[in-house]
Amino acid sequence: MRSSLIALTLFVALPATSQEVEEPLEAARNPIRALFDLAGRISRGVDQTNSTLSTVADQMSEVSARVEALADVVPPAPISRCNDQQPDVRQSDSAIVTYCQGGRCQDIVQPCFPYACDPDTGTCELSCTVNWQCAGGAVCNGVTNQCAVQGYSCDTAYSVLTPTGQSGDCWGYLCVAGTCRNTCGTDIECKQQEGYRCQDG
């Protein structure tokens, strides 16, 4: 019996504080004030959000400015195209390279000779497998895969081939290394089937 009285006494001895009682009562008595308090808290939250967004916008502007500054320091890759001012673009022996920096661009003519300009890439060929990869006046060496200026060559044993592709007769003399000889030592060095004989030896 005594234990029950003690427990009851302890329970009764712990009433609610005046603040715990007054706050709900105050809110109930003055709902308009409670609404104003809530609106104030919402307004402060909105202000804080706006401040955060403003900070983010400032940071993005700073990043954008740095990117633009970097673009001036590191120019874009140059753009190359074949020189279309020449009559035959396929055999164009130069490329036009456009360099840009700081909003200003400049065209530079880049010679390709003895190679041609590749119209597919707009750049100079660096090797060849066929003659059209070489500029006019040059031919592709199938062994080295390099373009070289075409000189005179022997068309037959007794005729010469000019750079324009025309065959010229050596008038009975042998053709050696693209040159018609003008002397002989024996009849073998002459075009005997057409009646030529060596008169020098």
C-alpha atoms as a PDB file:
ATOM      1  CA  MET A   1       0.000   0.000   0.000  1.00  0.00           C
ATOM      2  CA  ARG A   2       2.815   2.369   0.861  1.00  0.00           C
ATOM      3  CA  SER A   3       4.583   1.628  -2.472  1.00  0.00           C
ATOM      4  CA  SER A   4       1.450   2.518  -4.419  1.00  0.00           C
ATOM      5  CA  LEU A   5       1.123   5.804  -2.567  1.00  0.00           C
ATOM      6  CA  ILE A   6       4.711   6.672  -3.314  1.00  0.00           C
ATOM      7  CA  ALA A   7       4.271   5.960  -7.048  1.00  0.00           C
ATOM      8  CA  LEU A   8       1.099   7.999  -7.130  1.00  0.00           C
ATOM      9  CA  THR A   9       2.805  10.819  -5.324  1.00  0.00           C
ATOM     10  CA  LEU A  10       5.674  10.829  -7.848  1.00  0.00           C
ATOM     11  CA  PHE A  11       3.248  10.873 -10.750  1.00  0.00           C
ATOM     12  CA  VAL A  12       1.318  13.763  -9.353  1.00  0.00           C
ATOM     13  CA  ALA A  13       4.508  15.613  -8.461  1.00  0.00           C
ATOM     14  CA  LEU A  14       5.560  15.957 -12.145  1.00  0.00           C
ATOM     15  CA  PRO A  15       3.012  18.332 -13.733  1.00  0.00           C
ATOM     16  CA  ALA A  16       3.571  19.932 -17.204  1.00  0.00           C
ATOM     17  CA  THR A  17       5.676  23.085 -17.258  1.00  0.00           C
ATOM     18  CA  SER A  18       4.011  26.399 -17.831  1.00  0.00           C
ATOM     19  CA  GLN A  19       5.822  26.807 -21.204  1.00  0.00           C
ATOM     20  CA  GLU A  20       4.574  23.462 -22.457  1.00  0.00           C
ATOM     21  CA  VAL A  21       1.071  24.479 -21.539  1.00  0.00           C
ATOM     22  CA  GLU A  22       1.268  28.097 -22.710  1.00  0.00           C
ATOM     23  CA  GLU A  23       2.652  27.489 -26.251  1.00  0.00           C
ATOM     24  CA  PRO A  24      -0.267  25.385 -27.530  1.00  0.00           C
ATOM     25  CA  LEU A  25      -2.689  27.641 -25.732  1.00  0.00           C
ATOM     26  CA  GLU A  26      -1.083  30.737 -27.219  1.00  0.00           C
ATOM     27  CA  ALA A  27      -1.228  29.220 -30.709  1.00  0.00           C
ATOM     28  CA  ALA A  28      -4.846  28.325 -30.180  1.00  0.00           C
ATOM     29  CA  ARG A  29      -5.679  31.792 -28.857  1.00  0.00           C
ATOM     30  CA  ASN A  30      -3.810  33.619 -31.649  1.00  0.00           C
ATOM     31  CA  PRO A  31      -3.814  31.577 -34.894  1.00  0.00           C
ATOM     32  CA  ILE A  32      -3.002  34.647 -36.986  1.00  0.00           C
ATOM     33  CA  ARG A  33       0.261  35.132 -35.123  1.00  0.00           C
ATOM     34  CA  ALA A  34       1.104  31.469 -35.694  1.00  0.00           C
ATOM     35  CA  LEU A  35       0.519  31.899 -39.405  1.00  0.00           C
ATOM     36  CA  PHE A  36       2.779  34.956 -39.491  1.00  0.00           C
ATOM     37  CA  ASP A  37       5.513  33.006 -37.698  1.00  0.00           C
ATOM     38  CA  LEU A  38       5.217  30.202 -40.253  1.00  0.00           C
ATOM     39  CA  ALA A  39       5.317  32.691 -43.125  1.00  0.00           C
ATOM     40  CA  GLY A  40       8.435  34.256 -41.632  1.00  0.00           C
ATOM     41  CA  ARG A  41      10.192  30.918 -41.458  1.00  0.00           C
ATOM     42  CA  ILE A  42       9.244  30.168 -45.077  1.00  0.00           C
ATOM     43  CA  SER A  43      10.459  33.603 -46.190  1.00  0.00           C
ATOM     44  CA  ARG A  44      13.801  33.096 -44.461  1.00  0.00           C
ATOM     45  CA  GLY A  45      14.131  29.722 -46.219  1.00  0.00           C
ATOM     46  CA  VAL A  46      13.357  31.291 -49.599  1.00  0.00           C
ATOM     47  CA  ASP A  47      15.900  34.054 -48.982  1.00  0.00           C
ATOM     48  CA  GLN A  48      18.535  31.475 -48.126  1.00  0.00           C
ATOM     49  CA  THR A  49      17.724  29.478 -51.282  1.00  0.00           C
ATOM     50  CA  ASN A  50      17.933  32.618 -53.436  1.00  0.00           C
ATOM     51  CA  SER A  51      21.280  33.452 -51.880  1.00  0.00           C
ATOM     52  CA  THR A  52      22.565  29.966 -52.680  1.00  0.00           C
ATOM     53  CA  LEU A  53      21.340  30.182 -56.278  1.00  0.00           C
ATOM     54  CA  SER A  54      22.968  33.587 -56.665  1.00  0.00           C
ATOM     55  CA  THR A  55      26.266  32.167 -55.419  1.00  0.00           C
ATOM     56  CA  VAL A  56      26.035  29.279 -57.889  1.00  0.00           C
ATOM     57  CA  ALA A  57      25.291  31.702 -60.743  1.00  0.00           C
ATOM     58  CA  ASP A  58      28.332  33.798 -59.823  1.00  0.00           C
ATOM     59  CA  GLN A  59      30.521  30.699 -59.784  1.00  0.00           C
ATOM     60  CA  MET A  60      29.210  29.598 -63.193  1.00  0.00           C
ATOM     61  CA  SER A  61      29.947  33.052 -64.618  1.00  0.00           C
ATOM     62  CA  GLU A  62      33.483  32.838 -63.276  1.00  0.00           C
ATOM     63  CA  VAL A  63      33.968  29.393 -64.835  1.00  0.00           C
ATOM     64  CA  SER A  64      32.634  30.674 -68.172  1.00  0.00           C
ATOM     65  CA  ALA A  65      35.046  33.606 -68.085  1.00  0.00           C
ATOM     66  CA  ARG A  66      37.945  31.257 -67.381  1.00  0.00           C
ATOM     67  CA  VAL A  67      36.935  29.001 -70.281  1.00  0.00           C
ATOM     68  CA  GLU A  68      36.858  31.986 -72.643  1.00  0.00           C
ATOM     69  CA  ALA A  69      40.260  33.105 -71.399  1.00  0.00           C
ATOM     70  CA  LEU A  70      41.611  29.592 -71.902  1.00  0.00           C
ATOM     71  CA  ALA A  71      40.300  29.564 -75.478  1.00  0.00           C
ATOM     72  CA  ASP A  72      42.473  32.598 -76.190  1.00  0.00           C
ATOM     73  CA  VAL A  73      45.526  30.869 -74.730  1.00  0.00           C
ATOM     74  CA  VAL A  74      44.895  27.460 -76.362  1.00  0.00           C
ATOM     75  CA  PRO A  75      43.695  28.128 -79.934  1.00  0.00           C
ATOM     76  CA  PRO A  76      41.466  25.633 -81.742  1.00  0.00           C
ATOM     77  CA  ALA A  77      43.002  23.120 -84.104  1.00  0.00           C
ATOM     78  CA  PRO A  78      43.746  24.569 -87.547  1.00  0.00           C
ATOM     79  CA  ILE A  79      41.382  23.776 -90.420  1.00  0.00           C
ATOM     80  CA  SER A  80      42.909  22.637 -93.699  1.00  0.00           C
ATOM     81  CA  ARG A  81      41.415  22.468 -97.186  1.00  0.00           C
ATOM     82  CA  CYS A  82      42.781  22.043-100.687  1.00  0.00           C
ATOM     83  CA  ASN A  83      43.558  25.180-102.644  1.00  0.00           C
ATOM     84  CA  ASP A  84      40.391  25.413-104.743  1.00  0.00           C
ATOM     85  CA  GLN A  85      41.769  28.379-106.669  1.00  0.00           C
ATOM     86  CA  GLN A  86      43.694  25.935-108.822  1.00  0.00           C
ATOM     87  CA  PRO A  87      41.924  24.555-111.913  1.00  0.00           C
ATOM     88  CA  ASP A  88      42.285  20.886-110.952  1.00  0.00           C
ATOM     89  CA  VAL A  89      41.643  20.402-107.230  1.00  0.00           C
ATOM     90  CA  ARG A  90      42.516  16.710-107.433  1.00  0.00           C
ATOM     91  CA  GLN A  91      46.008  17.681-108.612  1.00  0.00           C
ATOM     92  CA  SER A  92      46.282  20.724-106.341  1.00  0.00           C
ATOM     93  CA  ASP A  93      49.833  21.007-105.052  1.00  0.00           C
ATOM     94  CA  SER A  94      48.964  23.175-102.047  1.00  0.00           C
ATOM     95  CA  ALA A  95      46.593  23.357 -99.108  1.00  0.00           C
ATOM     96  CA  ILE A  96      45.101  26.365 -97.332  1.00  0.00           C
ATOM     97  CA  VAL A  97      45.365  26.094 -93.558  1.00  0.00           C
ATOM     98  CA  THR A  98      43.210  28.401 -91.425  1.00  0.00           C
ATOM     99  CA  TYR A  99      44.601  29.316 -88.009  1.00  0.00           C
ATOM    100  CA  CYS A 100      42.337  31.039 -85.460  1.00  0.00           C
ATOM    101  CA  GLN A 101      43.155  32.631 -82.108  1.00  0.00           C
ATOM    102  CA  GLY A 102      41.387  35.245 -80.051  1.00  0.00           C
ATOM    103  CA  GLY A 103      38.561  35.550 -82.560  1.00  0.00           C
ATOM    104  CA  ARG A 104      40.935  36.332 -85.444  1.00  0.00           C
ATOM    105  CA  CYS A 105      41.662  33.882 -88.274  1.00  0.00           C
ATOM    106  CA  GLN A 106      44.386  33.801 -90.906  1.00  0.00           C
ATOM    107  CA  ASP A 107      44.791  31.640 -94.025  1.00  0.00           C
ATOM    108  CA  ILE A 108      48.243  30.229 -94.762  1.00  0.00           C
ATOM    109  CA  VAL A 109      49.075  28.488 -98.043  1.00  0.00           C
ATOM    110  CA  GLN A 110      50.980  25.259 -97.380  1.00  0.00           C
ATOM    111  CA  PRO A 111      52.855  23.851-100.401  1.00  0.00           C
ATOM    112  CA  CYS A 112      52.438  20.096-100.947  1.00  0.00           C
ATOM    113  CA  PHE A 113      54.742  19.643-103.942  1.00  0.00           C
ATOM    114  CA  PRO A 114      55.773  17.091-105.110  1.00  0.00           C
ATOM    115  CA  TYR A 115      52.684  15.591-103.452  1.00  0.00           C
ATOM    116  CA  ALA A 116      49.089  16.509-104.221  1.00  0.00           C
ATOM    117  CA  CYS A 117      46.474  17.730-101.757  1.00  0.00           C
ATOM    118  CA  ASP A 118      44.022  15.044-100.687  1.00  0.00           C
ATOM    119  CA  PRO A 119      40.517  16.511-101.281  1.00  0.00           C
ATOM    120  CA  ASP A 120      39.000  14.088 -98.773  1.00  0.00           C
ATOM    121  CA  THR A 121      41.084  15.371 -95.852  1.00  0.00           C
ATOM    122  CA  GLY A 122      42.137  18.777 -97.175  1.00  0.00           C
ATOM    123  CA  THR A 123      45.761  18.016 -96.274  1.00  0.00           C
ATOM    124  CA  CYS A 124      48.920  17.217 -98.219  1.00  0.00           C
ATOM    125  CA  GLU A 125      49.559  13.609 -99.148  1.00  0.00           C
ATOM    126  CA  LEU A 126      52.572  12.122 -97.345  1.00  0.00           C
ATOM    127  CA  SER A 127      53.054   9.020 -99.481  1.00  0.00           C
ATOM    128  CA  CYS A 128      51.708   7.554-102.702  1.00  0.00           C
ATOM    129  CA  THR A 129      50.646   4.359-104.391  1.00  0.00           C
ATOM    130  CA  VAL A 130      49.272   5.939-107.591  1.00  0.00           C
ATOM    131  CA  ASN A 131      50.280   8.953-109.658  1.00  0.00           C
ATOM    132  CA  TRP A 132      47.206  11.068-108.842  1.00  0.00           C
ATOM    133  CA  GLN A 133      48.504  11.345-105.279  1.00  0.00           C
ATOM    134  CA  CYS A 134      51.373  13.366-106.713  1.00  0.00           C
ATOM    135  CA  ALA A 135      51.280  16.949-107.946  1.00  0.00           C
ATOM    136  CA  GLY A 136      51.510  17.791-111.623  1.00  0.00           C
ATOM    137  CA  GLY A 137      54.992  17.125-112.991  1.00  0.00           C
ATOM    138  CA  ALA A 138      55.686  14.393-110.420  1.00  0.00           C
ATOM    139  CA  VAL A 139      55.135  10.643-110.488  1.00  0.00           C
ATOM    140  CA  CYS A 140      54.789   7.994-107.803  1.00  0.00           C
ATOM    141  CA  ASN A 141      57.721   5.667-107.268  1.00  0.00           C
ATOM    142  CA  GLY A 142      56.095   2.291-106.658  1.00  0.00           C
ATOM    143  CA  VAL A 143      59.153   1.022-104.773  1.00  0.00           C
ATOM    144  CA  THR A 144      59.641   3.862-102.302  1.00  0.00           C
ATOM    145  CA  ASN A 145      55.984   5.066-102.339  1.00  0.00           C
ATOM    146  CA  GLN A 146      57.256   8.599-102.704  1.00  0.00           C
ATOM    147  CA  CYS A 147      56.430  11.262-105.256  1.00  0.00           C
ATOM    148  CA  ALA A 148      59.335  12.524-107.315  1.00  0.00           C
ATOM    149  CA  VAL A 149      59.687  15.079-110.077  1.00  0.00           C
ATOM    150  CA  GLN A 150      59.334  13.340-113.380  1.00  0.00           C
ATOM    151  CA  GLY A 151      62.287  13.868-115.689  1.00  0.00           C
ATOM    152  CA  TYR A 152      63.162  12.348-119.014  1.00  0.00           C
ATOM    153  CA  SER A 153      63.155   8.571-119.174  1.00  0.00           C
ATOM    154  CA  CYS A 154      63.788   5.954-121.808  1.00  0.00           C
ATOM    155  CA  ASP A 155      60.630   4.930-123.608  1.00  0.00           C
ATOM    156  CA  THR A 156      62.406   2.218-125.589  1.00  0.00           C
ATOM    157  CA  ALA A 157      66.047   1.363-126.142  1.00  0.00           C
ATOM    158  CA  TYR A 158      66.178   4.020-128.859  1.00  0.00           C
ATOM    159  CA  SER A 159      63.577   6.596-127.789  1.00  0.00           C
ATOM    160  CA  VAL A 160      63.103   8.955-124.869  1.00  0.00           C
ATOM    161  CA  LEU A 161      59.962   9.857-122.875  1.00  0.00           C
ATOM    162  CA  THR A 162      59.508  13.517-122.000  1.00  0.00           C
ATOM    163  CA  PRO A 163      57.975  14.748-118.687  1.00  0.00           C
ATOM    164  CA  THR A 164      54.776  15.525-120.587  1.00  0.00           C
ATOM    165  CA  GLY A 165      54.489  11.888-121.689  1.00  0.00           C
ATOM    166  CA  GLN A 166      55.565  12.369-125.305  1.00  0.00           C
ATOM    167  CA  SER A 167      57.952   9.907-126.904  1.00  0.00           C
ATOM    168  CA  GLY A 168      60.928  11.252-128.847  1.00  0.00           C
ATOM    169  CA  ASP A 169      63.200   9.335-131.204  1.00  0.00           C
ATOM    170  CA  CYS A 170      66.922   9.204-130.473  1.00  0.00           C
ATOM    171  CA  TRP A 171      67.744   9.009-134.210  1.00  0.00           C
ATOM    172  CA  GLY A 172      69.336   5.614-134.070  1.00  0.00           C
ATOM    173  CA  TYR A 173      71.313   6.180-130.865  1.00  0.00           C
ATOM    174  CA  LEU A 174      70.755   4.320-127.603  1.00  0.00           C
ATOM    175  CA  CYS A 175      68.724   5.882-124.803  1.00  0.00           C
ATOM    176  CA  VAL A 176      70.595   5.665-121.503  1.00  0.00           C
ATOM    177  CA  ALA A 177      69.116   6.916-118.190  1.00  0.00           C
ATOM    178  CA  GLY A 178      66.614   9.125-119.973  1.00  0.00           C
ATOM    179  CA  THR A 179      69.156  10.676-122.326  1.00  0.00           C
ATOM    180  CA  CYS A 180      69.800   9.979-125.976  1.00  0.00           C
ATOM    181  CA  ARG A 181      73.436   9.247-126.627  1.00  0.00           C
ATOM    182  CA  ASN A 182      75.123  11.109-129.475  1.00  0.00           C
ATOM    183  CA  THR A 183      78.134   8.851-129.859  1.00  0.00           C
ATOM    184  CA  CYS A 184      78.661   5.135-130.338  1.00  0.00           C
ATOM    185  CA  GLY A 185      81.452   2.612-130.140  1.00  0.00           C
ATOM    186  CA  THR A 186      79.990  -0.349-132.000  1.00  0.00           C
ATOM    187  CA  ASP A 187      77.036  -1.144-134.224  1.00  0.00           C
ATOM    188  CA  ILE A 188      75.304  -2.757-131.223  1.00  0.00           C
ATOM    189  CA  GLU A 189      74.819   0.717-129.809  1.00  0.00           C
ATOM    190  CA  CYS A 190      72.826   1.728-132.855  1.00  0.00           C
ATOM    191  CA  LYS A 191      69.331   0.883-134.051  1.00  0.00           C
ATOM    192  CA  GLN A 192      70.449  -1.650-136.618  1.00  0.00           C
ATOM    193  CA  GLN A 193      66.949  -2.837-137.569  1.00  0.00           C
ATOM    194  CA  GLU A 194      66.373   0.547-139.167  1.00  0.00           C
ATOM    195  CA  GLY A 195      69.730   0.527-140.923  1.00  0.00           C
ATOM    196  CA  TYR A 196      71.755   2.557-138.452  1.00  0.00           C
ATOM    197  CA  ARG A 197      75.473   1.714-138.157  1.00  0.00           C
ATOM    198  CA  CYS A 198      78.158   3.185-135.959  1.00  0.00           C
ATOM    199  CA  GLN A 199      80.411   5.554-137.849  1.00  0.00           C
ATOM    200  CA  ASP A 200      82.286   6.817-134.801  1.00  0.00           C
ATOM    201  CA  GLY A 201      84.184   3.620-133.877  1.00  0.00           C
END
